[in-house]
Amino acid sequence: MTFQHAIEGLRQLKYAPGSEEPVHQHEQGQLIYPLRGVAKVVTPQHIWLLSPGRAIWLPGGLSHGLQAVDHVVTQNLYLTPQASRQFSTQCHGLKVTPLLHTLFAAGLEEGLPAQRQALVYALLSDELSRLPVSMLCHVVLPSDRRVRQVCDTLCRELNHAATLAWWGQKVGASERTLARLFREETHLSFSEWRQQIRLLEAVCNLARGVAVSKLAQELGYASTSAFIAMFRKKLGVSPQRYIQATLR
């Protein structure tokens, strides 16, 4: 599907390490494509990790904020509200193609004549409709108050090692109930969710310059090689290669 007169505009945004874009929403759908750096995009139900090579689609009306981990440069495409609804009403990752990268650069040229801009936008909207879906490192945030309390704490305290039975006493639910709610609301077990948030934050700390060996120790891995093996299994590359890609 292509979108006639679908694109409202393009913007390039730069963020200093630790800076944030406050939570907001708008009727236009937005594609965020990071050229450089690592960032977290937070929505009511997810924390998404962004790095070069993959983009995220945010449908119109979805509340979202951005947190820059290191120096971050993003390309941003905005679709009209109508085109946004046509494209997708769900937040998801997309693989960035070389053509999309080139068209972004062309569309952001200063003083671009209106006729040429229209041609670039037409190609961009067509390429957008062809982008393959890509998995982004993310965690699902539960809506149940008790499970959310557990998840919020684990986001702040990565090395928190309490069992689900301990958490049950803490939040007022049985271990069995918490285990069921984790599965229902996050599609992961408690231990899987904890590993996923640790992985997400490990990538952020790598971008901040923390050594792999220190991360492995802080997260309780028996060795640095065990941490690297987990990282490669989850993200397809070693920690060093992943971070090298973010510094382009």
Protein backbone atom coordinates (compact mmCIF):
# COMPACT_ATOMS: atom_id res chain seq x y z
CA MET A 1 0.00 0.00 0.00
CA THR A 2 1.26 3.49 -0.85
CA PHE A 3 0.07 6.73 0.70
CA GLN A 4 -0.78 9.69 -1.49
CA HIS A 5 0.08 13.02 0.18
CA ALA A 6 0.74 11.03 3.35
CA ILE A 7 3.87 12.67 4.74
CA GLU A 8 3.50 15.83 6.78
CA GLY A 9 7.20 16.37 7.30
CA LEU A 10 10.69 15.18 8.24
CA ARG A 11 12.90 16.32 11.13
CA GLN A 12 16.34 15.49 12.39
CA LEU A 13 16.70 15.74 16.17
CA LYS A 14 19.82 15.62 18.35
CA TYR A 15 19.96 14.68 22.02
CA ALA A 16 22.74 15.04 24.58
CA PRO A 17 23.51 12.07 26.86
CA GLY A 18 20.90 11.77 29.59
CA SER A 19 18.47 14.21 28.00
CA GLU A 20 14.79 13.40 27.66
CA GLU A 21 11.86 14.26 25.46
CA PRO A 22 8.86 14.49 27.81
CA VAL A 23 5.92 12.14 27.36
CA HIS A 24 3.52 13.58 24.78
CA GLN A 25 1.18 12.53 22.01
CA HIS A 26 0.00 13.81 18.63
CA GLU A 27 -2.47 12.76 15.97
CA GLN A 28 0.26 12.18 13.40
CA GLY A 29 1.95 8.80 13.31
CA GLN A 30 5.73 8.99 13.70
CA LEU A 31 8.63 6.88 12.49
CA ILE A 32 11.80 7.34 14.56
CA TYR A 33 15.02 6.15 12.95
CA PRO A 34 18.24 6.59 14.97
CA LEU A 35 21.33 7.48 12.97
CA ARG A 36 23.58 7.36 16.00
CA GLY A 37 23.43 6.35 19.64
CA VAL A 38 21.14 4.37 21.91
CA ALA A 39 17.79 5.64 23.19
CA LYS A 40 14.80 4.31 25.06
CA VAL A 41 11.28 5.04 23.87
CA VAL A 42 8.71 4.65 26.64
CA THR A 43 5.01 4.11 25.97
CA PRO A 44 2.26 3.16 28.45
CA GLN A 45 2.77 -0.55 27.78
CA HIS A 46 6.40 -0.88 26.63
CA ILE A 47 9.99 0.22 27.01
CA TRP A 48 11.65 0.01 23.58
CA LEU A 49 15.38 0.13 22.88
CA LEU A 50 16.45 2.05 19.77
CA SER A 51 19.79 1.84 17.97
CA PRO A 52 20.93 2.36 14.34
CA GLY A 53 19.59 -0.01 11.70
CA ARG A 54 16.09 -0.30 13.12
CA ALA A 55 13.24 2.17 13.40
CA ILE A 56 10.13 2.31 15.55
CA TRP A 57 6.62 3.16 14.38
CA LEU A 58 4.47 5.11 16.84
CA PRO A 59 0.82 5.31 15.79
CA GLY A 60 -1.06 8.58 16.14
CA GLY A 61 -2.50 9.23 19.59
CA LEU A 62 -0.01 7.02 21.44
CA SER A 63 1.67 8.67 24.45
CA HIS A 64 5.44 8.36 24.24
CA GLY A 65 8.68 9.84 25.51
CA LEU A 66 12.34 9.42 24.59
CA GLN A 67 15.38 9.04 26.84
CA ALA A 68 18.83 9.47 25.26
CA VAL A 69 21.44 7.14 26.74
CA ASP A 70 24.42 8.67 24.93
CA HIS A 71 24.75 11.15 22.03
CA VAL A 72 21.70 10.39 19.90
CA VAL A 73 20.72 11.62 16.43
CA THR A 74 17.31 10.60 15.07
CA GLN A 75 15.52 11.02 11.76
CA ASN A 76 11.78 11.49 12.21
CA LEU A 77 9.00 11.05 9.67
CA TYR A 78 5.43 12.16 10.37
CA LEU A 79 2.39 10.83 8.55
CA THR A 80 -0.97 12.58 8.39
CA PRO A 81 -3.54 11.23 10.87
CA GLN A 82 -5.47 9.49 8.09
CA ALA A 83 -2.37 7.87 6.58
CA SER A 84 -1.21 6.86 10.05
CA ARG A 85 -4.39 4.87 10.62
CA GLN A 86 -3.97 3.24 7.22
CA PHE A 87 -0.38 2.25 7.95
CA SER A 88 -0.72 0.70 11.40
CA THR A 89 -2.40 1.31 14.74
CA GLN A 90 0.18 -0.79 16.58
CA CYS A 91 3.63 0.21 17.81
CA HIS A 92 6.36 -1.99 16.30
CA GLY A 93 9.90 -2.13 14.94
CA LEU A 94 10.88 -1.82 11.27
CA LYS A 95 14.13 -2.63 9.48
CA VAL A 96 15.79 0.41 7.89
CA THR A 97 16.72 -0.13 4.23
CA PRO A 98 19.54 1.67 2.37
CA LEU A 99 16.92 3.37 0.20
CA LEU A 100 15.04 4.71 3.22
CA HIS A 101 18.31 6.07 4.61
CA THR A 102 19.09 7.83 1.32
CA LEU A 103 15.58 9.26 0.94
CA PHE A 104 15.69 10.68 4.47
CA ALA A 105 18.94 12.46 3.65
CA ALA A 106 17.48 13.81 0.41
CA GLY A 107 14.26 14.96 2.06
CA LEU A 108 16.14 16.85 4.78
CA GLU A 109 18.26 18.90 2.37
CA GLU A 110 17.92 22.62 3.00
CA GLY A 111 16.23 24.64 0.29
CA LEU A 112 14.76 21.58 -1.38
CA PRO A 113 12.44 22.74 -4.22
CA ALA A 114 8.79 21.88 -3.68
CA GLN A 115 8.61 19.71 -6.79
CA ARG A 116 11.64 17.68 -5.77
CA GLN A 117 10.33 17.38 -2.20
CA ALA A 118 7.07 15.96 -3.54
CA LEU A 119 9.00 13.33 -5.49
CA VAL A 120 11.12 12.39 -2.46
CA TYR A 121 8.06 12.19 -0.22
CA ALA A 122 6.26 9.98 -2.73
CA LEU A 123 9.21 7.58 -2.81
CA LEU A 124 9.48 7.70 0.99
CA SER A 125 5.83 6.79 1.48
CA ASP A 126 6.20 3.92 -0.98
CA GLU A 127 9.35 2.64 0.71
CA LEU A 128 7.70 2.93 4.12
CA SER A 129 4.93 0.62 2.98
CA ARG A 130 7.55 -1.98 2.01
CA LEU A 131 9.72 -1.96 5.13
CA PRO A 132 10.03 -5.39 6.76
CA VAL A 133 9.01 -5.73 10.38
CA SER A 134 11.98 -6.06 12.73
CA MET A 135 12.15 -7.13 16.36
CA LEU A 136 13.30 -4.45 18.77
CA CYS A 137 14.70 -5.21 22.20
CA HIS A 138 11.86 -4.27 24.55
CA VAL A 139 9.91 -5.17 27.65
CA VAL A 140 6.16 -5.20 28.12
CA LEU A 141 4.89 -3.19 31.08
CA PRO A 142 1.98 -4.84 32.91
CA SER A 143 -1.21 -3.03 33.89
CA ASP A 144 -1.90 -5.04 37.07
CA ARG A 145 -0.83 -2.92 40.05
CA ARG A 146 0.96 -5.75 41.85
CA VAL A 147 2.98 -6.96 38.89
CA ARG A 148 3.76 -3.38 37.89
CA GLN A 149 5.19 -2.75 41.35
CA VAL A 150 7.55 -5.69 40.87
CA CYS A 151 8.57 -4.50 37.38
CA ASP A 152 9.11 -0.89 38.43
CA THR A 153 11.47 -2.03 41.18
CA LEU A 154 13.39 -4.34 38.85
CA CYS A 155 13.81 -1.46 36.38
CA ARG A 156 15.50 0.57 39.13
CA GLU A 157 17.41 -2.25 40.82
CA LEU A 158 18.81 -4.57 38.15
CA ASN A 159 20.57 -6.90 40.56
CA HIS A 160 17.49 -7.42 42.74
CA ALA A 161 17.52 -11.19 43.24
CA ALA A 162 14.37 -11.82 45.31
CA THR A 163 12.22 -14.80 44.40
CA LEU A 164 8.65 -14.56 43.16
CA ALA A 165 7.49 -15.98 46.50
CA TRP A 166 9.21 -13.06 48.27
CA TRP A 167 7.58 -10.62 45.89
CA GLY A 168 4.19 -12.21 46.53
CA GLN A 169 4.48 -11.39 50.24
CA LYS A 170 5.67 -7.87 49.36
CA VAL A 171 2.80 -6.93 47.03
CA GLY A 172 0.00 -9.02 48.53
CA ALA A 173 -0.46 -11.83 46.05
CA SER A 174 0.40 -15.51 46.01
CA GLU A 175 3.43 -16.75 44.08
CA ARG A 176 1.10 -18.67 41.79
CA THR A 177 -1.02 -15.59 41.08
CA LEU A 178 2.03 -13.46 40.25
CA ALA A 179 3.42 -16.16 37.96
CA ARG A 180 0.10 -16.32 36.10
CA LEU A 181 -0.15 -12.54 35.81
CA PHE A 182 3.39 -12.23 34.47
CA ARG A 183 2.54 -14.71 31.71
CA GLU A 184 -0.79 -13.09 30.91
CA GLU A 185 0.38 -9.48 30.91
CA THR A 186 3.98 -9.62 29.66
CA HIS A 187 4.00 -12.92 27.71
CA LEU A 188 7.12 -13.88 29.68
CA SER A 189 7.77 -15.69 32.92
CA PHE A 190 9.04 -13.68 35.88
CA SER A 191 12.65 -14.84 35.34
CA GLU A 192 12.43 -14.18 31.58
CA TRP A 193 11.12 -10.66 32.15
CA ARG A 194 13.88 -9.96 34.65
CA GLN A 195 16.51 -11.17 32.18
CA GLN A 196 15.00 -9.01 29.43
CA ILE A 197 15.08 -5.78 31.46
CA ARG A 198 18.64 -6.59 32.49
CA LEU A 199 19.59 -7.04 28.84
CA LEU A 200 17.96 -3.75 27.89
CA GLU A 201 19.75 -1.88 30.65
CA ALA A 202 23.01 -3.68 29.86
CA VAL A 203 22.91 -2.23 26.35
CA CYS A 204 22.32 1.22 27.84
CA ASN A 205 25.28 0.83 30.18
CA LEU A 206 27.48 -0.38 27.34
CA ALA A 207 26.57 2.80 25.47
CA ARG A 208 27.58 4.78 28.56
CA GLY A 209 31.00 3.16 28.43
CA VAL A 210 30.69 0.53 31.17
CA ALA A 211 33.05 -2.40 30.58
CA VAL A 212 31.56 -5.76 29.56
CA SER A 213 33.35 -7.52 32.42
CA LYS A 214 31.88 -5.12 34.97
CA LEU A 215 28.37 -5.56 33.57
CA ALA A 216 28.67 -9.34 33.68
CA GLN A 217 29.69 -9.15 37.33
CA GLU A 218 26.96 -6.67 38.30
CA LEU A 219 24.26 -8.77 36.65
CA GLY A 220 25.39 -11.94 38.40
CA TYR A 221 26.83 -13.89 35.46
CA ALA A 222 29.40 -16.57 36.31
CA SER A 223 31.82 -15.16 33.74
CA THR A 224 32.18 -12.48 31.09
CA SER A 225 31.94 -15.13 28.38
CA ALA A 226 28.59 -16.30 29.77
CA PHE A 227 27.24 -12.75 29.54
CA ILE A 228 28.57 -12.35 25.98
CA ALA A 229 26.94 -15.66 24.98
CA MET A 230 23.57 -14.50 26.36
CA PHE A 231 23.93 -11.13 24.61
CA ARG A 232 24.77 -12.73 21.26
CA LYS A 233 21.88 -15.19 21.59
CA LYS A 234 19.38 -12.40 22.27
CA LEU A 235 20.64 -9.69 19.89
CA GLY A 236 22.56 -11.64 17.26
CA VAL A 237 25.92 -9.91 17.78
CA SER A 238 28.54 -9.49 20.49
CA PRO A 239 28.32 -6.48 22.84
CA GLN A 240 31.35 -4.90 21.14
CA ARG A 241 29.85 -5.14 17.64
CA TYR A 242 26.50 -3.86 18.87
CA ILE A 243 28.02 -0.74 20.39
CA GLN A 244 30.32 -0.14 17.41
CA ALA A 245 27.19 0.06 15.23
CA THR A 246 25.73 2.81 17.42
CA LEU A 247 28.77 5.07 16.93
CA ARG A 248 28.54 5.45 13.17
